[in-house]
Amino acid sequence: MRKCTECGEGMQQLKAKTPEGIEYDYYKCRKDGEEIVDMKQLHEVAERYRVLKKYNVKLSKWGLSLGIRIPKELVEKYKLKNEKEVSIIPEKTGIRIITS
């Protein structure tokens, strides 16, 4: 049985869902109500969330370069505008686009 890091009492394993419906387990102290999610579980939820929020887009040839179309939902969420500059950062497994 998992012990609470605050009081040392036993913790109860419970289930919950994120607003997007992803289920996960967590532990709640029976005495003081402290709640924790273990790191393995947290990484699994994060990975499922990334897959859920993944957007598939097509690259288009623009002159000698390639362009990418950004879905309307992301344009609105990040307040992107025509001609606005963004930074593209190469990473080991892909690229990251950072808004200015």
C-alpha atoms as a PDB file:
ATOM      1  CA  MET A   1       0.000   0.000   0.000  1.00  0.00           C
ATOM      2  CA  ARG A   2       1.266   3.478  -0.873  1.00  0.00           C
ATOM      3  CA  LYS A   3       1.956   5.802   2.078  1.00  0.00           C
ATOM      4  CA  CYS A   4       1.271   9.545   2.198  1.00  0.00           C
ATOM      5  CA  THR A   5       4.462  11.622   2.096  1.00  0.00           C
ATOM      6  CA  GLU A   6       2.873  14.228   4.397  1.00  0.00           C
ATOM      7  CA  CYS A   7       1.439  12.140   7.243  1.00  0.00           C
ATOM      8  CA  GLY A   8       2.567   8.555   6.560  1.00  0.00           C
ATOM      9  CA  GLU A   9      -0.980   7.158   6.469  1.00  0.00           C
ATOM     10  CA  GLY A  10      -2.203   4.760   3.778  1.00  0.00           C
ATOM     11  CA  MET A  11      -3.450   6.087   0.461  1.00  0.00           C
ATOM     12  CA  GLN A  12      -6.446   4.865  -1.508  1.00  0.00           C
ATOM     13  CA  GLN A  13      -6.076   4.220  -5.251  1.00  0.00           C
ATOM     14  CA  LEU A  14      -8.818   5.973  -7.240  1.00  0.00           C
ATOM     15  CA  LYS A  15      -9.697   6.564 -10.884  1.00  0.00           C
ATOM     16  CA  ALA A  16     -10.469   9.867 -12.586  1.00  0.00           C
ATOM     17  CA  LYS A  17     -10.824  11.355 -16.079  1.00  0.00           C
ATOM     18  CA  THR A  18      -9.360  14.461 -17.662  1.00  0.00           C
ATOM     19  CA  PRO A  19     -11.850  16.890 -19.278  1.00  0.00           C
ATOM     20  CA  GLU A  20     -11.006  15.187 -22.596  1.00  0.00           C
ATOM     21  CA  GLY A  21     -12.057  11.787 -21.201  1.00  0.00           C
ATOM     22  CA  ILE A  22      -8.611  10.238 -20.644  1.00  0.00           C
ATOM     23  CA  GLU A  23      -8.746   7.903 -17.633  1.00  0.00           C
ATOM     24  CA  TYR A  24      -5.950   7.766 -15.068  1.00  0.00           C
ATOM     25  CA  ASP A  25      -5.275   6.395 -11.586  1.00  0.00           C
ATOM     26  CA  TYR A  26      -4.250   8.516  -8.623  1.00  0.00           C
ATOM     27  CA  TYR A  27      -3.774   8.092  -4.907  1.00  0.00           C
ATOM     28  CA  LYS A  28      -5.569  10.003  -2.152  1.00  0.00           C
ATOM     29  CA  CYS A  29      -4.559  10.030   1.509  1.00  0.00           C
ATOM     30  CA  ARG A  30      -7.318   8.698   3.726  1.00  0.00           C
ATOM     31  CA  LYS A  31      -6.336  11.096   6.517  1.00  0.00           C
ATOM     32  CA  ASP A  32      -5.359  14.492   5.067  1.00  0.00           C
ATOM     33  CA  GLY A  33      -6.705  14.275   1.482  1.00  0.00           C
ATOM     34  CA  GLU A  34      -3.262  14.647  -0.184  1.00  0.00           C
ATOM     35  CA  GLU A  35      -3.506  13.493  -3.833  1.00  0.00           C
ATOM     36  CA  ILE A  36      -0.678  12.241  -6.052  1.00  0.00           C
ATOM     37  CA  VAL A  37      -0.203  10.762  -9.524  1.00  0.00           C
ATOM     38  CA  ASP A  38       2.896   8.640 -10.037  1.00  0.00           C
ATOM     39  CA  MET A  39       5.322   9.714 -12.779  1.00  0.00           C
ATOM     40  CA  LYS A  40       4.740   6.653 -14.976  1.00  0.00           C
ATOM     41  CA  GLN A  41       0.993   7.288 -14.953  1.00  0.00           C
ATOM     42  CA  LEU A  42       1.550  10.999 -15.616  1.00  0.00           C
ATOM     43  CA  HIS A  43       3.721  10.246 -18.670  1.00  0.00           C
ATOM     44  CA  GLU A  44       1.126   7.792 -20.023  1.00  0.00           C
ATOM     45  CA  VAL A  45      -1.645  10.401 -19.692  1.00  0.00           C
ATOM     46  CA  ALA A  46       0.568  13.050 -21.343  1.00  0.00           C
ATOM     47  CA  GLU A  47       1.304  10.738 -24.281  1.00  0.00           C
ATOM     48  CA  ARG A  48      -2.391   9.908 -24.785  1.00  0.00           C
ATOM     49  CA  TYR A  49      -3.189  13.629 -24.608  1.00  0.00           C
ATOM     50  CA  ARG A  50      -0.529  14.418 -27.249  1.00  0.00           C
ATOM     51  CA  VAL A  51      -2.051  11.825 -29.594  1.00  0.00           C
ATOM     52  CA  LEU A  52      -5.530  13.208 -28.921  1.00  0.00           C
ATOM     53  CA  LYS A  53      -4.416  16.773 -29.725  1.00  0.00           C
ATOM     54  CA  LYS A  54      -2.306  15.852 -32.744  1.00  0.00           C
ATOM     55  CA  TYR A  55      -3.074  17.665 -35.995  1.00  0.00           C
ATOM     56  CA  ASN A  56      -2.257  16.126 -39.369  1.00  0.00           C
ATOM     57  CA  VAL A  57      -1.557  18.684 -42.084  1.00  0.00           C
ATOM     58  CA  LYS A  58      -0.092  18.556 -45.594  1.00  0.00           C
ATOM     59  CA  LEU A  59       3.009  20.380 -46.709  1.00  0.00           C
ATOM     60  CA  SER A  60       2.678  22.517 -49.843  1.00  0.00           C
ATOM     61  CA  LYS A  61       5.395  23.614 -52.257  1.00  0.00           C
ATOM     62  CA  TRP A  62       5.919  27.410 -52.130  1.00  0.00           C
ATOM     63  CA  GLY A  63       8.685  28.337 -54.558  1.00  0.00           C
ATOM     64  CA  LEU A  64      11.817  26.461 -53.441  1.00  0.00           C
ATOM     65  CA  SER A  65      10.458  26.016 -49.901  1.00  0.00           C
ATOM     66  CA  LEU A  66       7.682  24.042 -48.260  1.00  0.00           C
ATOM     67  CA  GLY A  67       4.777  25.655 -46.431  1.00  0.00           C
ATOM     68  CA  ILE A  68       2.493  24.277 -43.752  1.00  0.00           C
ATOM     69  CA  ARG A  69      -1.127  25.230 -43.174  1.00  0.00           C
ATOM     70  CA  ILE A  70      -2.032  25.787 -39.542  1.00  0.00           C
ATOM     71  CA  PRO A  71      -5.555  24.673 -38.575  1.00  0.00           C
ATOM     72  CA  LYS A  72      -8.034  27.436 -37.693  1.00  0.00           C
ATOM     73  CA  GLU A  73      -8.392  26.170 -34.101  1.00  0.00           C
ATOM     74  CA  LEU A  74      -4.654  26.702 -33.500  1.00  0.00           C
ATOM     75  CA  VAL A  75      -4.654  30.055 -35.318  1.00  0.00           C
ATOM     76  CA  GLU A  76      -7.353  31.291 -32.935  1.00  0.00           C
ATOM     77  CA  LYS A  77      -5.847  29.706 -29.825  1.00  0.00           C
ATOM     78  CA  TYR A  78      -2.393  31.256 -30.383  1.00  0.00           C
ATOM     79  CA  LYS A  79      -3.718  34.483 -31.964  1.00  0.00           C
ATOM     80  CA  LEU A  80      -1.707  33.997 -35.149  1.00  0.00           C
ATOM     81  CA  LYS A  81      -2.019  36.608 -37.882  1.00  0.00           C
ATOM     82  CA  ASN A  82      -0.984  36.781 -41.528  1.00  0.00           C
ATOM     83  CA  GLU A  83       2.667  37.862 -41.848  1.00  0.00           C
ATOM     84  CA  LYS A  84       3.328  37.268 -38.116  1.00  0.00           C
ATOM     85  CA  GLU A  85       6.770  35.816 -37.489  1.00  0.00           C
ATOM     86  CA  VAL A  86       7.303  32.565 -35.609  1.00  0.00           C
ATOM     87  CA  SER A  87      10.475  30.717 -34.656  1.00  0.00           C
ATOM     88  CA  ILE A  88      11.167  27.186 -35.876  1.00  0.00           C
ATOM     89  CA  ILE A  89      13.484  25.183 -33.636  1.00  0.00           C
ATOM     90  CA  PRO A  90      14.930  21.896 -34.933  1.00  0.00           C
ATOM     91  CA  GLU A  91      14.806  19.115 -32.321  1.00  0.00           C
ATOM     92  CA  LYS A  92      15.982  15.523 -32.230  1.00  0.00           C
ATOM     93  CA  THR A  93      12.593  14.029 -33.169  1.00  0.00           C
ATOM     94  CA  GLY A  94      10.967  16.907 -35.060  1.00  0.00           C
ATOM     95  CA  ILE A  95      10.539  20.652 -35.097  1.00  0.00           C
ATOM     96  CA  ARG A  96       8.992  23.082 -32.631  1.00  0.00           C
ATOM     97  CA  ILE A  97       7.160  26.216 -33.733  1.00  0.00           C
ATOM     98  CA  ILE A  98       7.273  29.061 -31.207  1.00  0.00           C
ATOM     99  CA  THR A  99       5.090  32.159 -31.500  1.00  0.00           C
ATOM    100  CA  SER A 100       6.689  35.538 -30.931  1.00  0.00           C
END
